[in-house]
């Protein structure tokens, strides 16, 4: 190699070293490498997905998933031994959320995403943050028989939707769910499968569904359990509503992050596991969903991973 060639090569090495020294990381670097280099963590949230994430009147993000992601951020800062960590909150629309992680817009989506096989083709997930699924809310004055059939059902070899007296109790009732949700599809499927003489009345949102239950136009409102809990709690007539303990479907929710980034996923899961095991977790949970029942307590105890 000529002297000129060696000078160019040396200059290139120096330039690369200089770029590294000012904190620039390669585009394909893993999340923790980028955070270490930039001292910045990008967290995405939905501004209208209460109680998991929402924008407050002051413009700051808040909610259950946001609180958990703040604990993740604290853990990232501690693990990387950073003197400071700039947490950038990125507001995401429903459409933008779908590709936010894959496109590198955010490092972690702090929402309530169902852990499904189709989504796992595009992103990875943390350990579950909530034992979601289809739940139901009824009026406190609803017939006891209806509540018992819905809440306790029949033995596993005899579905609640079939047979007497369960079928008799469920027939000629109006059931509601929010348009476009998995609960709407589930309800329609149950009515058709078991040829139940009942009416499915879809609503635009949970508030409308709650109003139908209160004025008895609908006997039951089905929907995602945490959203039902939040809508019922924020109703002016919350004392006239009963959230049934039963999950009709099981759809655990998790935080979304990039695929094939096991180091960051480990950091996220460690932060969540430590949060679930902490004494103040019950208080955090109660802030958004009310006191947890025994099954919920067991869920988080079983979900937390040991060191």
Protein backbone atom coordinates (compact mmCIF):
# COMPACT_ATOMS: atom_id res chain seq x y z
CA UNK A 1 0.00 0.00 0.00
CA UNK A 2 1.27 3.49 -0.87
CA UNK A 3 1.89 6.18 1.73
CA UNK A 4 -1.17 8.01 0.42
CA UNK A 5 -3.29 4.85 0.69
CA UNK A 6 -2.14 4.22 4.25
CA UNK A 7 -2.94 7.85 5.11
CA UNK A 8 -6.50 7.49 3.75
CA UNK A 9 -7.06 4.19 5.59
CA UNK A 10 -5.71 5.67 8.82
CA UNK A 11 -7.94 8.69 8.39
CA UNK A 12 -10.98 6.47 7.91
CA UNK A 13 -10.25 4.57 11.13
CA UNK A 14 -9.83 7.85 13.01
CA UNK A 15 -13.09 9.17 11.60
CA UNK A 16 -14.98 6.05 12.65
CA UNK A 17 -13.47 6.24 16.12
CA UNK A 18 -14.45 9.90 16.35
CA UNK A 19 -18.05 9.14 15.42
CA UNK A 20 -18.17 6.42 18.05
CA UNK A 21 -16.77 8.74 20.68
CA UNK A 22 -19.61 11.25 20.22
CA UNK A 23 -22.23 8.61 20.85
CA UNK A 24 -23.38 7.50 17.40
CA UNK A 25 -24.32 3.83 17.15
CA UNK A 26 -24.70 1.71 14.00
CA UNK A 27 -28.22 1.67 12.54
CA UNK A 28 -28.60 -2.05 13.21
CA UNK A 29 -27.37 -1.88 16.80
CA UNK A 30 -29.47 -3.59 19.42
CA UNK A 31 -31.66 -1.46 21.67
CA UNK A 32 -29.42 -1.40 24.73
CA UNK A 33 -26.41 -0.48 22.58
CA UNK A 34 -28.30 2.47 21.12
CA UNK A 35 -29.52 3.56 24.54
CA UNK A 36 -26.01 3.33 25.98
CA UNK A 37 -24.64 5.44 23.13
CA UNK A 38 -27.40 8.07 23.14
CA UNK A 39 -28.60 8.00 26.78
CA UNK A 40 -32.10 8.08 25.29
CA UNK A 41 -35.00 5.62 25.40
CA UNK A 42 -38.03 6.03 23.13
CA UNK A 43 -41.32 4.81 24.59
CA UNK A 44 -44.54 4.76 22.58
CA UNK A 45 -48.04 5.12 23.97
CA UNK A 46 -51.62 5.60 22.79
CA UNK A 47 -53.12 8.92 23.93
CA UNK A 48 -56.65 7.53 24.32
CA UNK A 49 -56.28 3.95 25.58
CA UNK A 50 -57.35 4.48 29.18
CA UNK A 51 -56.58 2.96 31.66
CA UNK A 52 -53.40 1.56 30.06
CA UNK A 53 -52.17 4.75 28.45
CA UNK A 54 -53.59 8.19 27.84
CA UNK A 55 -52.59 11.85 27.61
CA UNK A 56 -53.38 13.98 30.64
CA UNK A 57 -54.68 17.55 30.48
CA UNK A 58 -51.10 18.72 30.91
CA UNK A 59 -50.02 16.69 27.88
CA UNK A 60 -48.03 14.11 29.83
CA UNK A 61 -48.59 10.36 29.33
CA UNK A 62 -50.20 8.40 32.15
CA UNK A 63 -51.81 5.04 32.80
CA UNK A 64 -51.05 1.55 34.02
CA UNK A 65 -48.78 0.55 31.12
CA UNK A 66 -47.03 3.93 31.29
CA UNK A 67 -46.30 3.37 34.99
CA UNK A 68 -44.81 -0.05 34.20
CA UNK A 69 -42.68 1.41 31.40
CA UNK A 70 -41.32 4.03 33.79
CA UNK A 71 -40.09 1.14 35.92
CA UNK A 72 -38.51 -0.38 32.81
CA UNK A 73 -36.75 2.92 32.14
CA UNK A 74 -35.41 2.99 35.71
CA UNK A 75 -34.10 -0.53 35.27
CA UNK A 76 -32.43 0.31 31.94
CA UNK A 77 -30.69 3.29 33.52
CA UNK A 78 -29.45 1.17 36.43
CA UNK A 79 -28.31 -1.79 34.32
CA UNK A 80 -26.37 0.43 31.91
CA UNK A 81 -24.97 2.50 34.79
CA UNK A 82 -26.04 5.74 33.12
CA UNK A 83 -25.80 9.02 35.00
CA UNK A 84 -28.86 10.23 33.11
CA UNK A 85 -31.45 8.74 30.77
CA UNK A 86 -33.65 10.86 28.55
CA UNK A 87 -37.05 9.16 28.20
CA UNK A 88 -38.81 10.32 25.07
CA UNK A 89 -42.55 9.60 25.00
CA UNK A 90 -43.95 9.21 21.49
CA UNK A 91 -47.71 9.49 20.98
CA UNK A 92 -48.91 6.79 18.57
CA UNK A 93 -52.14 6.53 16.62
CA UNK A 94 -53.72 3.10 16.22
CA UNK A 95 -52.31 2.78 12.69
CA UNK A 96 -48.83 4.00 13.64
CA UNK A 97 -48.67 1.60 16.59
CA UNK A 98 -48.76 -1.40 14.29
CA UNK A 99 -45.31 -0.66 12.82
CA UNK A 100 -43.76 1.65 15.42
CA UNK A 101 -41.31 -0.93 16.78
CA UNK A 102 -40.42 -2.50 13.43
CA UNK A 103 -39.79 0.93 11.89
CA UNK A 104 -37.58 2.01 14.80
CA UNK A 105 -39.90 4.86 15.81
CA UNK A 106 -39.94 3.60 19.40
CA UNK A 107 -38.02 1.04 21.45
CA UNK A 108 -41.03 -0.18 23.41
CA UNK A 109 -44.80 0.19 23.02
CA UNK A 110 -46.36 0.90 26.41
CA UNK A 111 -49.90 -0.17 25.69
CA UNK A 112 -52.21 -3.11 25.98
CA UNK A 113 -51.39 -5.37 23.07
CA UNK A 114 -52.82 -8.92 22.93
CA UNK A 115 -50.03 -11.47 22.64
CA UNK A 116 -51.02 -13.28 19.44
CA UNK A 117 -49.15 -15.50 17.02
CA UNK A 118 -49.82 -13.13 14.12
CA UNK A 119 -48.32 -10.17 16.02
CA UNK A 120 -45.34 -12.27 17.06
CA UNK A 121 -44.47 -12.61 13.38
CA UNK A 122 -43.65 -8.90 13.45
CA UNK A 123 -42.69 -8.03 17.04
CA UNK A 124 -41.70 -9.64 20.31
CA UNK A 125 -43.51 -9.31 23.63
CA UNK A 126 -42.64 -8.92 27.28
CA UNK A 127 -44.07 -11.22 29.90
CA UNK A 128 -47.81 -10.43 30.28
CA UNK A 129 -48.80 -7.22 32.04
CA UNK A 130 -52.48 -8.06 32.45
CA UNK A 131 -54.67 -11.21 32.32
CA UNK A 132 -57.11 -9.78 29.80
CA UNK A 133 -59.85 -11.41 27.78
CA UNK A 134 -63.56 -11.01 27.27
CA UNK A 135 -65.43 -10.13 30.44
CA UNK A 136 -68.95 -8.98 31.23
CA UNK A 137 -70.73 -6.25 33.17
CA UNK A 138 -74.35 -6.43 34.30
CA UNK A 139 -76.69 -4.27 36.31
CA UNK A 140 -76.59 -4.78 40.06
CA UNK A 141 -80.33 -5.42 39.80
CA UNK A 142 -79.95 -8.16 37.16
CA UNK A 143 -81.60 -11.47 38.07
CA UNK A 144 -79.38 -13.58 40.28
CA UNK A 145 -79.90 -16.57 37.99
CA UNK A 146 -78.46 -14.64 35.04
CA UNK A 147 -75.40 -13.58 37.04
CA UNK A 148 -74.79 -17.12 38.29
CA UNK A 149 -75.07 -18.68 34.83
CA UNK A 150 -72.68 -16.12 33.36
CA UNK A 151 -70.22 -16.05 36.23
CA UNK A 152 -70.03 -19.70 37.25
CA UNK A 153 -71.34 -21.47 34.14
CA UNK A 154 -71.68 -25.21 33.83
CA UNK A 155 -69.10 -28.01 34.07
CA UNK A 156 -66.51 -27.85 31.29
CA UNK A 157 -68.25 -30.63 29.35
CA UNK A 158 -71.50 -28.63 29.35
CA UNK A 159 -71.00 -25.08 28.02
CA UNK A 160 -72.93 -22.24 29.58
CA UNK A 161 -74.63 -21.51 26.28
CA UNK A 162 -76.23 -24.93 25.99
CA UNK A 163 -78.81 -26.93 27.92
CA UNK A 164 -81.42 -26.25 30.55
CA UNK A 165 -81.78 -24.22 32.70
CA UNK A 166 -78.80 -22.17 31.47
CA UNK A 167 -80.16 -21.90 27.94
CA UNK A 168 -83.58 -20.83 29.18
CA UNK A 169 -82.02 -18.05 31.26
CA UNK A 170 -79.94 -16.74 28.35
CA UNK A 171 -82.62 -16.88 25.68
CA UNK A 172 -84.53 -13.79 24.54
CA UNK A 173 -81.91 -11.48 26.03
CA UNK A 174 -80.08 -8.61 24.36
CA UNK A 175 -76.29 -8.69 24.68
CA UNK A 176 -73.99 -5.82 23.70
CA UNK A 177 -70.34 -5.45 22.70
CA UNK A 178 -68.26 -2.71 21.10
CA UNK A 179 -68.20 -2.66 17.31
CA UNK A 180 -65.04 -4.05 15.71
CA UNK A 181 -63.65 -5.75 18.82
CA UNK A 182 -62.74 -9.38 19.39
CA UNK A 183 -65.55 -9.50 21.95
CA UNK A 184 -68.09 -8.60 19.24
CA UNK A 185 -66.86 -11.45 17.05
CA UNK A 186 -66.82 -13.83 20.00
CA UNK A 187 -70.40 -12.93 21.01
CA UNK A 188 -71.72 -13.32 17.48
CA UNK A 189 -69.99 -16.69 17.17
CA UNK A 190 -71.45 -17.98 20.45
CA UNK A 191 -74.98 -16.99 19.51
CA UNK A 192 -74.70 -18.64 16.08
CA UNK A 193 -72.88 -21.75 17.23
CA UNK A 194 -75.40 -22.60 19.91
CA UNK A 195 -78.39 -21.23 17.97
CA UNK A 196 -79.35 -19.07 20.89
CA UNK A 197 -82.54 -17.02 20.55
CA UNK A 198 -80.83 -13.81 21.63
CA UNK A 199 -80.04 -10.42 20.11
CA UNK A 200 -76.58 -8.91 19.66
CA UNK A 201 -76.69 -5.11 19.81
CA UNK A 202 -73.32 -3.53 19.05
CA UNK A 203 -72.37 -0.14 20.48
CA UNK A 204 -69.83 2.48 19.42
CA UNK A 205 -68.02 2.61 22.75
CA UNK A 206 -68.04 1.30 26.30
CA UNK A 207 -69.92 4.30 27.64
CA UNK A 208 -72.87 3.55 25.34
CA UNK A 209 -72.74 -0.07 26.39
CA UNK A 210 -72.79 0.87 30.08
CA UNK A 211 -75.81 3.11 29.48
CA UNK A 212 -77.68 0.25 27.79
CA UNK A 213 -77.02 -2.02 30.77
CA UNK A 214 -78.16 0.63 33.23
CA UNK A 215 -81.42 1.34 31.41
CA UNK A 216 -81.91 -2.43 30.80
CA UNK A 217 -81.95 -2.23 27.01
CA UNK A 218 -79.13 -4.78 27.21
CA UNK A 219 -78.83 -7.50 29.82
CA UNK A 220 -75.04 -7.74 29.51
CA UNK A 221 -72.15 -5.79 28.03
CA UNK A 222 -69.23 -7.96 26.90
CA UNK A 223 -65.77 -6.52 26.27
CA UNK A 224 -62.08 -6.53 27.15
CA UNK A 225 -61.98 -6.99 30.91
CA UNK A 226 -59.68 -4.05 31.81
CA UNK A 227 -61.63 -1.65 29.60
CA UNK A 228 -64.90 -2.81 31.15
CA UNK A 229 -63.44 -2.28 34.61
CA UNK A 230 -62.32 1.23 33.73
CA UNK A 231 -65.60 2.21 32.04
CA UNK A 232 -67.65 0.91 34.96
CA UNK A 233 -65.44 2.64 37.53
CA UNK A 234 -65.73 6.00 35.72
CA UNK A 235 -69.51 5.76 35.33
CA UNK A 236 -71.60 8.11 37.45
CA UNK A 237 -73.62 5.02 38.37
CA UNK A 238 -70.72 2.70 39.12
CA UNK A 239 -72.49 1.45 42.25
CA UNK A 240 -75.28 0.07 40.06
CA UNK A 241 -72.91 -2.09 38.01
CA UNK A 242 -71.31 -5.47 38.65
CA UNK A 243 -68.20 -6.73 36.85
CA UNK A 244 -68.36 -10.51 36.69
CA UNK A 245 -65.20 -12.31 37.73
CA UNK A 246 -65.27 -14.75 34.86
CA UNK A 247 -63.06 -14.47 31.76
CA UNK A 248 -64.91 -15.90 28.77
CA UNK A 249 -61.73 -15.79 26.70
CA UNK A 250 -58.10 -15.44 27.75
CA UNK A 251 -55.98 -12.86 25.92
CA UNK A 252 -52.92 -11.84 27.96
CA UNK A 253 -51.55 -8.39 27.18
CA UNK A 254 -47.88 -7.50 26.85
CA UNK A 255 -45.47 -4.71 25.90
CA UNK A 256 -44.20 -4.78 22.32
CA UNK A 257 -40.51 -4.63 21.44
CA UNK A 258 -38.29 -5.60 18.53
CA UNK A 259 -37.83 -9.23 17.58
CA UNK A 260 -34.45 -10.95 18.07
CA UNK A 261 -33.42 -8.46 20.77
CA UNK A 262 -33.16 -10.83 23.71
CA UNK A 263 -30.94 -8.56 25.83
CA UNK A 264 -33.51 -5.77 25.87
CA UNK A 265 -36.34 -8.22 26.38
CA UNK A 266 -34.50 -9.64 29.40
CA UNK A 267 -34.15 -6.14 30.84
CA UNK A 268 -37.86 -5.45 30.31
CA UNK A 269 -38.92 -8.77 31.81
CA UNK A 270 -36.62 -8.28 34.79
CA UNK A 271 -38.12 -4.85 35.48
CA UNK A 272 -41.67 -6.22 35.26
CA UNK A 273 -40.87 -9.24 37.43
CA UNK A 274 -39.36 -7.02 40.10
CA UNK A 275 -42.38 -4.70 39.92
CA UNK A 276 -44.85 -7.57 40.36
CA UNK A 277 -42.93 -8.86 43.38
CA UNK A 278 -42.65 -5.44 45.03
CA UNK A 279 -44.83 -4.58 48.02
CA UNK A 280 -46.22 -1.46 46.33
CA UNK A 281 -47.47 -3.28 43.23
CA UNK A 282 -50.91 -3.84 44.74
CA UNK A 283 -51.21 -0.06 45.18
CA UNK A 284 -50.13 0.56 41.58
CA UNK A 285 -52.66 -1.97 40.29
CA UNK A 286 -55.45 -0.64 42.50
CA UNK A 287 -54.92 2.89 41.16
CA UNK A 288 -56.14 1.79 37.73
CA UNK A 289 -58.33 -1.26 38.30
CA UNK A 290 -59.39 -1.33 41.91
CA UNK A 291 -58.24 -3.95 44.45
CA UNK A 292 -57.12 -7.17 42.73
CA UNK A 293 -59.01 -10.37 43.48
CA UNK A 294 -57.30 -13.62 44.39
CA UNK A 295 -57.06 -14.88 40.81
CA UNK A 296 -55.39 -11.64 39.70
CA UNK A 297 -52.90 -11.79 42.58
CA UNK A 298 -52.07 -15.38 41.60
CA UNK A 299 -51.63 -14.34 37.95
CA UNK A 300 -48.91 -11.81 38.75
CA UNK A 301 -47.22 -14.12 41.25
CA UNK A 302 -47.04 -16.84 38.61
CA UNK A 303 -46.02 -14.44 35.81
CA UNK A 304 -43.06 -12.88 37.63
CA UNK A 305 -39.86 -14.69 36.67
CA UNK A 306 -37.27 -15.67 39.30
CA UNK A 307 -33.65 -14.58 38.97
